[in-house]
Amino acid sequence: MRSLPALLLVPALAQAAPVPAALTAHLREAACIHLDFTQTRTLAALSRPLKASGSLVLARDQGVIWTVRQPIAITYVLGPKGLLVVDADGNRERKTAREAPMVAQMGRILQALTRGDWPALESWFTASGSGGPERWQVELVPKAQAESFVRRITLDGSRAIDRVRVVEAGGDRMELVFRNQRLDAPLTGAEAALLAEE
């Protein structure tokens, strides 16, 4: 009978794991988050990783603007209508999520985080969390419908989102490191105009 209390503790310990929605709830307080990023992609077919840098705008209720400045200038705008691609000369082209799956999916994931829309995330992934709101980590493991493009996504954050690591379906890896996170900066006129096109 002495083992009974120990057995009763097992479900209690299992429930003690931080709930991802609680870890990231503070992100919903910002209507718009601006971040600078450095992206590193490690591809099995290449001996050296590919690097890119730029900025990201997460507008909670409007969409995502993903601007790459190096090595080439290109902007992706993800909104309710789909994906808009703007090149360095201002030429615009609409693409489907199938044509740019990683950009579209990462945009949806980051926007869902800022909205606190965990039902949307958990329709594609099984989520687990660790840490606390001041230093948190969320791991997303794909369900069947997402296994074709990703194996695992790990998000690290504090006041905002600090780092995203992605293991793609083919084994290639991507890491996004964010800096200069600004949670109180409103959209600029140019950013608002881009999102209005969506």
C-alpha atoms as a PDB file:
ATOM      1  CA  MET A   1       0.000   0.000   0.000  1.00  0.00           C
ATOM      2  CA  ARG A   2       2.949   2.348   0.531  1.00  0.00           C
ATOM      3  CA  SER A   3       3.519   2.441  -3.226  1.00  0.00           C
ATOM      4  CA  LEU A   4       0.054   3.899  -3.866  1.00  0.00           C
ATOM      5  CA  PRO A   5       0.951   7.559  -3.142  1.00  0.00           C
ATOM      6  CA  ALA A   6       3.938   7.276  -5.474  1.00  0.00           C
ATOM      7  CA  LEU A   7       1.691   5.931  -8.213  1.00  0.00           C
ATOM      8  CA  LEU A   8      -0.732   8.800  -7.681  1.00  0.00           C
ATOM      9  CA  LEU A   9       2.120  11.271  -8.174  1.00  0.00           C
ATOM     10  CA  VAL A  10       2.831  10.066 -11.722  1.00  0.00           C
ATOM     11  CA  PRO A  11      -0.249  11.687 -13.334  1.00  0.00           C
ATOM     12  CA  ALA A  12       0.350  14.830 -11.288  1.00  0.00           C
ATOM     13  CA  LEU A  13       3.931  15.104 -12.556  1.00  0.00           C
ATOM     14  CA  ALA A  14       2.782  14.481 -16.120  1.00  0.00           C
ATOM     15  CA  GLN A  15       0.320  17.377 -15.846  1.00  0.00           C
ATOM     16  CA  ALA A  16       2.991  19.667 -14.395  1.00  0.00           C
ATOM     17  CA  ALA A  17       4.698  20.194 -17.781  1.00  0.00           C
ATOM     18  CA  PRO A  18       4.266  23.814 -18.905  1.00  0.00           C
ATOM     19  CA  VAL A  19       1.440  24.330 -21.368  1.00  0.00           C
ATOM     20  CA  PRO A  20       2.799  26.038 -24.515  1.00  0.00           C
ATOM     21  CA  ALA A  21      -0.154  28.439 -24.655  1.00  0.00           C
ATOM     22  CA  ALA A  22       0.642  29.683 -21.148  1.00  0.00           C
ATOM     23  CA  LEU A  23       4.359  30.081 -21.915  1.00  0.00           C
ATOM     24  CA  THR A  24       3.705  32.357 -24.885  1.00  0.00           C
ATOM     25  CA  ALA A  25       0.538  34.151 -23.732  1.00  0.00           C
ATOM     26  CA  HIS A  26       2.405  37.448 -23.261  1.00  0.00           C
ATOM     27  CA  LEU A  27       3.122  37.622 -27.014  1.00  0.00           C
ATOM     28  CA  ARG A  28      -0.565  38.431 -27.604  1.00  0.00           C
ATOM     29  CA  GLU A  29      -0.109  41.746 -25.805  1.00  0.00           C
ATOM     30  CA  ALA A  30       1.807  43.181 -28.769  1.00  0.00           C
ATOM     31  CA  ALA A  31      -0.265  44.085 -31.826  1.00  0.00           C
ATOM     32  CA  CYS A  32       2.932  44.215 -33.879  1.00  0.00           C
ATOM     33  CA  ILE A  33       6.413  42.751 -33.383  1.00  0.00           C
ATOM     34  CA  HIS A  34       9.435  43.860 -35.427  1.00  0.00           C
ATOM     35  CA  LEU A  35      12.565  41.679 -35.430  1.00  0.00           C
ATOM     36  CA  ASP A  36      15.843  41.443 -37.313  1.00  0.00           C
ATOM     37  CA  PHE A  37      16.968  37.953 -38.247  1.00  0.00           C
ATOM     38  CA  THR A  38      19.928  35.915 -39.375  1.00  0.00           C
ATOM     39  CA  GLN A  39      19.063  32.673 -41.137  1.00  0.00           C
ATOM     40  CA  THR A  40      21.422  29.726 -41.556  1.00  0.00           C
ATOM     41  CA  ARG A  41      20.455  26.757 -43.714  1.00  0.00           C
ATOM     42  CA  THR A  42      22.537  23.590 -43.608  1.00  0.00           C
ATOM     43  CA  LEU A  43      21.905  21.434 -46.673  1.00  0.00           C
ATOM     44  CA  ALA A  44      23.166  17.893 -47.061  1.00  0.00           C
ATOM     45  CA  ALA A  45      24.067  18.613 -50.701  1.00  0.00           C
ATOM     46  CA  LEU A  46      26.320  21.591 -49.844  1.00  0.00           C
ATOM     47  CA  SER A  47      29.579  21.690 -47.884  1.00  0.00           C
ATOM     48  CA  ARG A  48      28.944  25.204 -46.523  1.00  0.00           C
ATOM     49  CA  PRO A  49      25.765  26.564 -44.949  1.00  0.00           C
ATOM     50  CA  LEU A  50      23.703  29.232 -46.701  1.00  0.00           C
ATOM     51  CA  LYS A  51      23.244  32.471 -44.793  1.00  0.00           C
ATOM     52  CA  ALA A  52      20.658  35.203 -45.174  1.00  0.00           C
ATOM     53  CA  SER A  53      19.622  38.202 -43.117  1.00  0.00           C
ATOM     54  CA  GLY A  54      16.829  40.719 -43.008  1.00  0.00           C
ATOM     55  CA  SER A  55      13.813  41.702 -40.955  1.00  0.00           C
ATOM     56  CA  LEU A  56      10.456  40.317 -39.962  1.00  0.00           C
ATOM     57  CA  VAL A  57       7.193  42.029 -39.076  1.00  0.00           C
ATOM     58  CA  LEU A  58       4.531  40.027 -37.234  1.00  0.00           C
ATOM     59  CA  ALA A  59       1.286  42.000 -37.339  1.00  0.00           C
ATOM     60  CA  ARG A  60      -1.000  40.002 -35.093  1.00  0.00           C
ATOM     61  CA  ASP A  61      -4.251  40.710 -36.940  1.00  0.00           C
ATOM     62  CA  GLN A  62      -2.980  41.478 -40.448  1.00  0.00           C
ATOM     63  CA  GLY A  63      -0.177  39.183 -41.507  1.00  0.00           C
ATOM     64  CA  VAL A  64       3.562  38.706 -41.802  1.00  0.00           C
ATOM     65  CA  ILE A  65       6.184  40.636 -43.776  1.00  0.00           C
ATOM     66  CA  TRP A  66       9.401  38.669 -44.267  1.00  0.00           C
ATOM     67  CA  THR A  67      12.105  40.856 -45.831  1.00  0.00           C
ATOM     68  CA  VAL A  68      15.396  39.300 -46.940  1.00  0.00           C
ATOM     69  CA  ARG A  69      18.151  41.892 -47.526  1.00  0.00           C
ATOM     70  CA  GLN A  70      21.208  39.652 -47.983  1.00  0.00           C
ATOM     71  CA  PRO A  71      22.293  37.861 -50.143  1.00  0.00           C
ATOM     72  CA  ILE A  72      19.447  39.081 -52.407  1.00  0.00           C
ATOM     73  CA  ALA A  73      16.638  41.510 -51.726  1.00  0.00           C
ATOM     74  CA  ILE A  74      13.183  39.938 -51.699  1.00  0.00           C
ATOM     75  CA  THR A  75      10.079  40.413 -49.562  1.00  0.00           C
ATOM     76  CA  TYR A  76       7.381  37.872 -48.757  1.00  0.00           C
ATOM     77  CA  VAL A  77       4.011  39.132 -47.530  1.00  0.00           C
ATOM     78  CA  LEU A  78       1.734  36.521 -46.008  1.00  0.00           C
ATOM     79  CA  GLY A  79      -1.868  37.514 -45.420  1.00  0.00           C
ATOM     80  CA  PRO A  80      -5.442  36.228 -45.679  1.00  0.00           C
ATOM     81  CA  LYS A  81      -5.300  36.106 -49.499  1.00  0.00           C
ATOM     82  CA  GLY A  82      -2.104  34.077 -49.673  1.00  0.00           C
ATOM     83  CA  LEU A  83       1.504  34.911 -50.410  1.00  0.00           C
ATOM     84  CA  LEU A  84       2.771  37.995 -52.237  1.00  0.00           C
ATOM     85  CA  VAL A  85       6.424  38.104 -53.375  1.00  0.00           C
ATOM     86  CA  VAL A  86       8.035  41.501 -54.067  1.00  0.00           C
ATOM     87  CA  ASP A  87      11.477  41.619 -55.687  1.00  0.00           C
ATOM     88  CA  ALA A  88      14.142  44.340 -55.427  1.00  0.00           C
ATOM     89  CA  ASP A  89      12.614  46.239 -58.366  1.00  0.00           C
ATOM     90  CA  GLY A  90       9.148  46.251 -56.823  1.00  0.00           C
ATOM     91  CA  ASN A  91       7.736  43.600 -59.157  1.00  0.00           C
ATOM     92  CA  ARG A  92       4.929  41.654 -57.518  1.00  0.00           C
ATOM     93  CA  GLU A  93       3.966  38.028 -57.937  1.00  0.00           C
ATOM     94  CA  ARG A  94       1.393  35.975 -56.113  1.00  0.00           C
ATOM     95  CA  LYS A  95       2.369  32.468 -55.096  1.00  0.00           C
ATOM     96  CA  THR A  96       0.574  29.615 -53.448  1.00  0.00           C
ATOM     97  CA  ALA A  97       1.705  28.009 -50.201  1.00  0.00           C
ATOM     98  CA  ARG A  98       2.768  24.995 -52.275  1.00  0.00           C
ATOM     99  CA  GLU A  99       5.190  27.145 -54.289  1.00  0.00           C
ATOM    100  CA  ALA A 100       6.904  28.508 -51.155  1.00  0.00           C
ATOM    101  CA  PRO A 101       6.021  25.973 -48.446  1.00  0.00           C
ATOM    102  CA  MET A 102       8.658  26.841 -45.835  1.00  0.00           C
ATOM    103  CA  VAL A 103       8.020  30.599 -45.978  1.00  0.00           C
ATOM    104  CA  ALA A 104       4.259  30.091 -45.833  1.00  0.00           C
ATOM    105  CA  GLN A 105       4.373  27.585 -42.987  1.00  0.00           C
ATOM    106  CA  MET A 106       6.878  29.530 -40.874  1.00  0.00           C
ATOM    107  CA  GLY A 107       4.803  32.676 -41.365  1.00  0.00           C
ATOM    108  CA  ARG A 108       1.674  30.880 -40.174  1.00  0.00           C
ATOM    109  CA  ILE A 109       3.458  29.425 -37.155  1.00  0.00           C
ATOM    110  CA  LEU A 110       4.920  32.764 -36.040  1.00  0.00           C
ATOM    111  CA  GLN A 111       1.645  34.586 -36.535  1.00  0.00           C
ATOM    112  CA  ALA A 112      -0.257  31.885 -34.645  1.00  0.00           C
ATOM    113  CA  LEU A 113       2.184  32.384 -31.751  1.00  0.00           C
ATOM    114  CA  THR A 114       1.509  36.126 -31.654  1.00  0.00           C
ATOM    115  CA  ARG A 115      -2.234  35.536 -31.811  1.00  0.00           C
ATOM    116  CA  GLY A 116      -2.156  32.803 -29.199  1.00  0.00           C
ATOM    117  CA  ASP A 117      -3.939  30.634 -31.765  1.00  0.00           C
ATOM    118  CA  TRP A 118      -2.844  27.248 -30.455  1.00  0.00           C
ATOM    119  CA  PRO A 119      -5.791  25.327 -31.984  1.00  0.00           C
ATOM    120  CA  ALA A 120      -4.437  26.310 -35.430  1.00  0.00           C
ATOM    121  CA  LEU A 121      -0.943  25.101 -34.531  1.00  0.00           C
ATOM    122  CA  GLU A 122      -2.161  21.910 -32.910  1.00  0.00           C
ATOM    123  CA  SER A 123      -4.140  20.968 -35.997  1.00  0.00           C
ATOM    124  CA  TRP A 124      -0.727  20.478 -37.671  1.00  0.00           C
ATOM    125  CA  PHE A 125       1.624  19.722 -34.770  1.00  0.00           C
ATOM    126  CA  THR A 126       1.859  18.085 -31.372  1.00  0.00           C
ATOM    127  CA  ALA A 127       3.221  20.803 -29.082  1.00  0.00           C
ATOM    128  CA  SER A 128       5.193  20.500 -25.847  1.00  0.00           C
ATOM    129  CA  GLY A 129       6.693  23.248 -23.702  1.00  0.00           C
ATOM    130  CA  SER A 130       9.348  23.795 -21.067  1.00  0.00           C
ATOM    131  CA  GLY A 131      10.644  26.677 -18.969  1.00  0.00           C
ATOM    132  CA  GLY A 132       8.577  29.694 -17.948  1.00  0.00           C
ATOM    133  CA  PRO A 133       7.317  32.910 -19.596  1.00  0.00           C
ATOM    134  CA  GLU A 134      10.655  34.646 -18.954  1.00  0.00           C
ATOM    135  CA  ARG A 135      12.622  31.884 -20.767  1.00  0.00           C
ATOM    136  CA  TRP A 136      10.584  29.328 -22.688  1.00  0.00           C
ATOM    137  CA  GLN A 137      10.938  26.624 -25.298  1.00  0.00           C
ATOM    138  CA  VAL A 138       8.226  25.055 -27.414  1.00  0.00           C
ATOM    139  CA  GLU A 139       8.749  21.998 -29.580  1.00  0.00           C
ATOM    140  CA  LEU A 140       6.422  21.208 -32.481  1.00  0.00           C
ATOM    141  CA  VAL A 141       6.364  17.671 -33.862  1.00  0.00           C
ATOM    142  CA  PRO A 142       4.372  17.337 -37.090  1.00  0.00           C
ATOM    143  CA  LYS A 143       1.227  15.331 -37.439  1.00  0.00           C
ATOM    144  CA  ALA A 144       0.676  13.281 -40.603  1.00  0.00           C
ATOM    145  CA  GLN A 145      -0.400  16.220 -42.787  1.00  0.00           C
ATOM    146  CA  ALA A 146       2.796  18.200 -42.029  1.00  0.00           C
ATOM    147  CA  GLU A 147       5.354  15.383 -42.167  1.00  0.00           C
ATOM    148  CA  SER A 148       6.055  15.974 -45.860  1.00  0.00           C
ATOM    149  CA  PHE A 149       7.947  19.226 -45.211  1.00  0.00           C
ATOM    150  CA  VAL A 150       9.228  19.158 -41.617  1.00  0.00           C
ATOM    151  CA  ARG A 151      10.390  16.738 -38.915  1.00  0.00           C
ATOM    152  CA  ARG A 152      10.604  19.078 -35.932  1.00  0.00           C
ATOM    153  CA  ILE A 153      10.455  22.774 -35.076  1.00  0.00           C
ATOM    154  CA  THR A 154      11.916  24.171 -31.844  1.00  0.00           C
ATOM    155  CA  LEU A 155      11.141  27.731 -30.757  1.00  0.00           C
ATOM    156  CA  ASP A 156      13.078  29.501 -28.010  1.00  0.00           C
ATOM    157  CA  GLY A 157      11.942  32.776 -26.530  1.00  0.00           C
ATOM    158  CA  SER A 158      11.733  35.191 -23.642  1.00  0.00           C
ATOM    159  CA  ARG A 159       9.946  38.504 -23.939  1.00  0.00           C
ATOM    160  CA  ALA A 160       9.663  37.781 -27.670  1.00  0.00           C
ATOM    161  CA  ILE A 161      10.793  35.005 -30.019  1.00  0.00           C
ATOM    162  CA  ASP A 162      14.571  34.570 -29.908  1.00  0.00           C
ATOM    163  CA  ARG A 163      15.344  31.559 -32.087  1.00  0.00           C
ATOM    164  CA  VAL A 164      13.664  29.011 -34.350  1.00  0.00           C
ATOM    165  CA  ARG A 165      15.287  25.737 -35.357  1.00  0.00           C
ATOM    166  CA  VAL A 166      13.773  23.578 -38.078  1.00  0.00           C
ATOM    167  CA  VAL A 167      14.671  20.044 -39.122  1.00  0.00           C
ATOM    168  CA  GLU A 168      13.185  19.597 -42.567  1.00  0.00           C
ATOM    169  CA  ALA A 169      11.723  16.353 -43.895  1.00  0.00           C
ATOM    170  CA  GLY A 170      14.815  15.547 -45.963  1.00  0.00           C
ATOM    171  CA  GLY A 171      17.178  16.151 -43.047  1.00  0.00           C
ATOM    172  CA  ASP A 172      18.263  19.675 -44.030  1.00  0.00           C
ATOM    173  CA  ARG A 173      18.277  22.187 -41.178  1.00  0.00           C
ATOM    174  CA  MET A 174      17.424  25.846 -40.778  1.00  0.00           C
ATOM    175  CA  GLU A 175      18.069  28.165 -37.860  1.00  0.00           C
ATOM    176  CA  LEU A 176      16.625  31.663 -37.456  1.00  0.00           C
ATOM    177  CA  VAL A 177      18.182  33.861 -34.785  1.00  0.00           C
ATOM    178  CA  PHE A 178      16.274  37.038 -33.936  1.00  0.00           C
ATOM    179  CA  ARG A 179      17.612  40.254 -32.432  1.00  0.00           C
ATOM    180  CA  ASN A 180      16.440  43.842 -31.899  1.00  0.00           C
ATOM    181  CA  GLN A 181      12.950  42.658 -31.039  1.00  0.00           C
ATOM    182  CA  ARG A 182      10.571  45.625 -30.820  1.00  0.00           C
ATOM    183  CA  LEU A 183       7.181  44.863 -29.370  1.00  0.00           C
ATOM    184  CA  ASP A 184       5.802  48.396 -29.266  1.00  0.00           C
ATOM    185  CA  ALA A 185       6.698  49.759 -32.719  1.00  0.00           C
ATOM    186  CA  PRO A 186       3.623  50.369 -34.930  1.00  0.00           C
ATOM    187  CA  LEU A 187       3.527  49.487 -38.613  1.00  0.00           C
ATOM    188  CA  THR A 188       5.204  51.987 -40.904  1.00  0.00           C
ATOM    189  CA  GLY A 189       3.210  53.410 -43.805  1.00  0.00           C
ATOM    190  CA  ALA A 190       5.050  51.149 -46.256  1.00  0.00           C
ATOM    191  CA  GLU A 191       4.409  48.061 -44.120  1.00  0.00           C
ATOM    192  CA  ALA A 192       0.720  48.885 -43.767  1.00  0.00           C
ATOM    193  CA  ALA A 193       0.465  49.380 -47.533  1.00  0.00           C
ATOM    194  CA  LEU A 194       2.062  45.986 -48.203  1.00  0.00           C
ATOM    195  CA  LEU A 195      -0.303  44.211 -45.828  1.00  0.00           C
ATOM    196  CA  ALA A 196      -3.275  46.066 -47.334  1.00  0.00           C
ATOM    197  CA  GLU A 197      -2.492  44.369 -50.656  1.00  0.00           C
ATOM    198  CA  GLU A 198      -3.249  41.108 -48.912  1.00  0.00           C
END
